Amino acid sequence: MTNNFHAGELAVQQRAGVQNDASRLSKGIRSALQPAQRDFLHEQRLAVASSVDAHGQVWASLLTGEPGFLDAVDERTVQINATPTAGDPLWVNLREKGPLGLVALNPAALKVNLAEVRP
């Protein structure tokens, strides 16, 4: 089986004791968006974009919009129709052609067991 994680990720998983969970979840990691994932993105109102500045610092940027602001135009391309807030380094980081990561969330579907949340 191909491993979807690099050595650093594997080390963190081992340290946290979550190798089995990570292995199970890695089966969902693909190089192309599946139709259900494309549909999910189109329905979302919230995403977090990660970018890297010229000094190697990683930044997280909150992006919001009406459903459809994330548009998976094909299996490898997501068009984001949102503007970062003033002062957010995302625009500068993207102009530098740095990498971009994207996590789309549906907060209404998240369920948290408060008994398991630790300060």
C-alpha atoms as a PDB file:
ATOM      1  CA  MET A   1       0.000   0.000   0.000  1.00  0.00           C
ATOM      2  CA  THR A   2       1.241   3.472  -0.854  1.00  0.00           C
ATOM      3  CA  ASN A   3       1.769   5.744   2.132  1.00  0.00           C
ATOM      4  CA  ASN A   4       0.197   9.193   1.779  1.00  0.00           C
ATOM      5  CA  PHE A   5       2.260  10.740   4.583  1.00  0.00           C
ATOM      6  CA  HIS A   6       5.844  11.991   4.685  1.00  0.00           C
ATOM      7  CA  ALA A   7       8.303  10.988   7.416  1.00  0.00           C
ATOM      8  CA  GLY A   8       7.526  14.009   9.607  1.00  0.00           C
ATOM      9  CA  GLU A   9       3.794  13.303   9.528  1.00  0.00           C
ATOM     10  CA  LEU A  10       4.413   9.652  10.370  1.00  0.00           C
ATOM     11  CA  ALA A  11       6.583  10.661  13.332  1.00  0.00           C
ATOM     12  CA  VAL A  12       3.872  12.991  14.681  1.00  0.00           C
ATOM     13  CA  GLN A  13       1.239  10.284  14.234  1.00  0.00           C
ATOM     14  CA  GLN A  14       3.386   7.806  16.140  1.00  0.00           C
ATOM     15  CA  ARG A  15       4.055  10.293  18.939  1.00  0.00           C
ATOM     16  CA  ALA A  16       0.326  11.040  19.239  1.00  0.00           C
ATOM     17  CA  GLY A  17      -0.571   7.358  19.039  1.00  0.00           C
ATOM     18  CA  VAL A  18      -2.894   7.794  16.070  1.00  0.00           C
ATOM     19  CA  GLN A  19      -1.184   5.647  13.420  1.00  0.00           C
ATOM     20  CA  ASN A  20      -4.223   3.374  12.957  1.00  0.00           C
ATOM     21  CA  ASP A  21      -6.619   6.311  12.567  1.00  0.00           C
ATOM     22  CA  ALA A  22      -4.265   8.037  10.133  1.00  0.00           C
ATOM     23  CA  SER A  23      -3.847   4.863   8.110  1.00  0.00           C
ATOM     24  CA  ARG A  24      -7.605   4.450   7.845  1.00  0.00           C
ATOM     25  CA  LEU A  25      -8.120   8.102   6.896  1.00  0.00           C
ATOM     26  CA  SER A  26      -5.297   8.043   4.345  1.00  0.00           C
ATOM     27  CA  LYS A  27      -7.439   5.850   2.093  1.00  0.00           C
ATOM     28  CA  GLY A  28      -9.506   8.972   1.379  1.00  0.00           C
ATOM     29  CA  ILE A  29      -6.507  11.009   0.198  1.00  0.00           C
ATOM     30  CA  ARG A  30      -6.510  11.265  -3.576  1.00  0.00           C
ATOM     31  CA  SER A  31      -4.798  13.384  -6.207  1.00  0.00           C
ATOM     32  CA  ALA A  32      -8.099  14.392  -7.804  1.00  0.00           C
ATOM     33  CA  LEU A  33     -11.432  15.642  -6.475  1.00  0.00           C
ATOM     34  CA  GLN A  34     -14.219  13.095  -6.599  1.00  0.00           C
ATOM     35  CA  PRO A  35     -17.744  14.191  -7.648  1.00  0.00           C
ATOM     36  CA  ALA A  36     -19.026  14.093  -4.048  1.00  0.00           C
ATOM     37  CA  GLN A  37     -16.099  16.266  -2.909  1.00  0.00           C
ATOM     38  CA  ARG A  38     -16.769  18.758  -5.692  1.00  0.00           C
ATOM     39  CA  ASP A  39     -20.431  18.941  -4.646  1.00  0.00           C
ATOM     40  CA  PHE A  40     -19.418  19.390  -0.988  1.00  0.00           C
ATOM     41  CA  LEU A  41     -17.102  22.296  -1.848  1.00  0.00           C
ATOM     42  CA  HIS A  42     -19.827  24.009  -3.859  1.00  0.00           C
ATOM     43  CA  GLU A  43     -22.195  23.946  -0.853  1.00  0.00           C
ATOM     44  CA  GLN A  44     -19.751  25.424   1.678  1.00  0.00           C
ATOM     45  CA  ARG A  45     -19.670  28.957   3.100  1.00  0.00           C
ATOM     46  CA  LEU A  46     -16.346  28.692   4.969  1.00  0.00           C
ATOM     47  CA  ALA A  47     -12.808  27.652   4.082  1.00  0.00           C
ATOM     48  CA  VAL A  48      -9.359  28.143   5.533  1.00  0.00           C
ATOM     49  CA  ALA A  49      -6.532  28.725   3.074  1.00  0.00           C
ATOM     50  CA  SER A  50      -2.946  28.129   4.131  1.00  0.00           C
ATOM     51  CA  SER A  51      -0.117  29.909   2.370  1.00  0.00           C
ATOM     52  CA  VAL A  52       3.602  30.391   2.894  1.00  0.00           C
ATOM     53  CA  ASP A  53       5.332  33.772   2.877  1.00  0.00           C
ATOM     54  CA  ALA A  54       8.778  34.602   1.479  1.00  0.00           C
ATOM     55  CA  HIS A  55      10.372  33.755   4.852  1.00  0.00           C
ATOM     56  CA  GLY A  56       8.788  30.296   5.050  1.00  0.00           C
ATOM     57  CA  GLN A  57       6.185  31.361   7.633  1.00  0.00           C
ATOM     58  CA  VAL A  58       2.852  29.570   7.245  1.00  0.00           C
ATOM     59  CA  TRP A  59      -0.311  31.680   7.374  1.00  0.00           C
ATOM     60  CA  ALA A  60      -3.965  30.679   7.735  1.00  0.00           C
ATOM     61  CA  SER A  61      -6.591  32.855   6.073  1.00  0.00           C
ATOM     62  CA  LEU A  62     -10.322  32.645   6.665  1.00  0.00           C
ATOM     63  CA  LEU A  63     -12.369  32.782   3.467  1.00  0.00           C
ATOM     64  CA  THR A  64     -16.145  33.033   3.435  1.00  0.00           C
ATOM     65  CA  GLY A  65     -18.915  33.466   0.916  1.00  0.00           C
ATOM     66  CA  GLU A  66     -22.273  32.286  -0.249  1.00  0.00           C
ATOM     67  CA  PRO A  67     -22.559  28.669  -1.377  1.00  0.00           C
ATOM     68  CA  GLY A  68     -20.745  28.410  -4.694  1.00  0.00           C
ATOM     69  CA  PHE A  69     -17.836  30.681  -3.718  1.00  0.00           C
ATOM     70  CA  LEU A  70     -15.734  27.499  -3.917  1.00  0.00           C
ATOM     71  CA  ASP A  71     -16.114  26.156  -7.433  1.00  0.00           C
ATOM     72  CA  ALA A  72     -14.415  22.918  -8.414  1.00  0.00           C
ATOM     73  CA  VAL A  73     -14.163  23.605 -12.129  1.00  0.00           C
ATOM     74  CA  ASP A  74     -12.554  20.225 -12.729  1.00  0.00           C
ATOM     75  CA  GLU A  75     -11.036  17.384 -10.716  1.00  0.00           C
ATOM     76  CA  ARG A  76      -7.826  19.325 -10.011  1.00  0.00           C
ATOM     77  CA  THR A  77      -8.865  22.988  -9.983  1.00  0.00           C
ATOM     78  CA  VAL A  78     -10.844  24.921  -7.380  1.00  0.00           C
ATOM     79  CA  GLN A  79     -11.745  28.513  -8.157  1.00  0.00           C
ATOM     80  CA  ILE A  80     -12.108  30.573  -4.982  1.00  0.00           C
ATOM     81  CA  ASN A  81     -14.385  33.595  -5.289  1.00  0.00           C
ATOM     82  CA  ALA A  82     -13.511  35.351  -2.033  1.00  0.00           C
ATOM     83  CA  THR A  83     -11.375  38.268  -0.959  1.00  0.00           C
ATOM     84  CA  PRO A  84      -9.113  38.032   2.095  1.00  0.00           C
ATOM     85  CA  THR A  85      -9.613  40.662   4.776  1.00  0.00           C
ATOM     86  CA  ALA A  86      -7.445  43.792   4.767  1.00  0.00           C
ATOM     87  CA  GLY A  87      -3.932  43.073   5.999  1.00  0.00           C
ATOM     88  CA  ASP A  88      -4.173  39.321   5.361  1.00  0.00           C
ATOM     89  CA  PRO A  89      -0.904  38.151   3.723  1.00  0.00           C
ATOM     90  CA  LEU A  90      -2.680  35.699   1.388  1.00  0.00           C
ATOM     91  CA  TRP A  91      -2.543  37.945  -1.705  1.00  0.00           C
ATOM     92  CA  VAL A  92       1.164  38.653  -1.297  1.00  0.00           C
ATOM     93  CA  ASN A  93       1.920  34.993  -0.659  1.00  0.00           C
ATOM     94  CA  LEU A  94       0.003  33.926  -3.764  1.00  0.00           C
ATOM     95  CA  ARG A  95       1.787  36.524  -5.907  1.00  0.00           C
ATOM     96  CA  GLU A  96       5.029  34.816  -4.863  1.00  0.00           C
ATOM     97  CA  LYS A  97       3.614  31.600  -6.387  1.00  0.00           C
ATOM     98  CA  GLY A  98       3.870  29.778  -3.070  1.00  0.00           C
ATOM     99  CA  PRO A  99       1.862  26.688  -2.247  1.00  0.00           C
ATOM    100  CA  LEU A 100      -1.759  26.935  -1.176  1.00  0.00           C
ATOM    101  CA  GLY A 101      -3.663  24.517   1.012  1.00  0.00           C
ATOM    102  CA  LEU A 102      -7.424  24.603   1.465  1.00  0.00           C
ATOM    103  CA  VAL A 103      -9.669  23.137   4.139  1.00  0.00           C
ATOM    104  CA  ALA A 104     -13.419  23.522   3.689  1.00  0.00           C
ATOM    105  CA  LEU A 105     -15.571  23.169   6.764  1.00  0.00           C
ATOM    106  CA  ASN A 106     -19.265  22.716   7.401  1.00  0.00           C
ATOM    107  CA  PRO A 107     -19.602  23.866  11.037  1.00  0.00           C
ATOM    108  CA  ALA A 108     -23.292  22.921  11.131  1.00  0.00           C
ATOM    109  CA  ALA A 109     -22.348  19.276  10.581  1.00  0.00           C
ATOM    110  CA  LEU A 110     -19.615  19.181  13.233  1.00  0.00           C
ATOM    111  CA  LYS A 111     -20.473  17.398  16.427  1.00  0.00           C
ATOM    112  CA  VAL A 112     -18.291  17.876  19.459  1.00  0.00           C
ATOM    113  CA  ASN A 113     -18.473  15.788  22.572  1.00  0.00           C
ATOM    114  CA  LEU A 114     -17.703  18.398  25.201  1.00  0.00           C
ATOM    115  CA  ALA A 115     -16.791  15.657  27.670  1.00  0.00           C
ATOM    116  CA  GLU A 116     -13.835  14.852  25.402  1.00  0.00           C
ATOM    117  CA  VAL A 117     -12.654  18.440  24.915  1.00  0.00           C
ATOM    118  CA  ARG A 118      -9.651  19.130  27.090  1.00  0.00           C
ATOM    119  CA  PRO A 119      -8.324  22.614  27.841  1.00  0.00           C
END
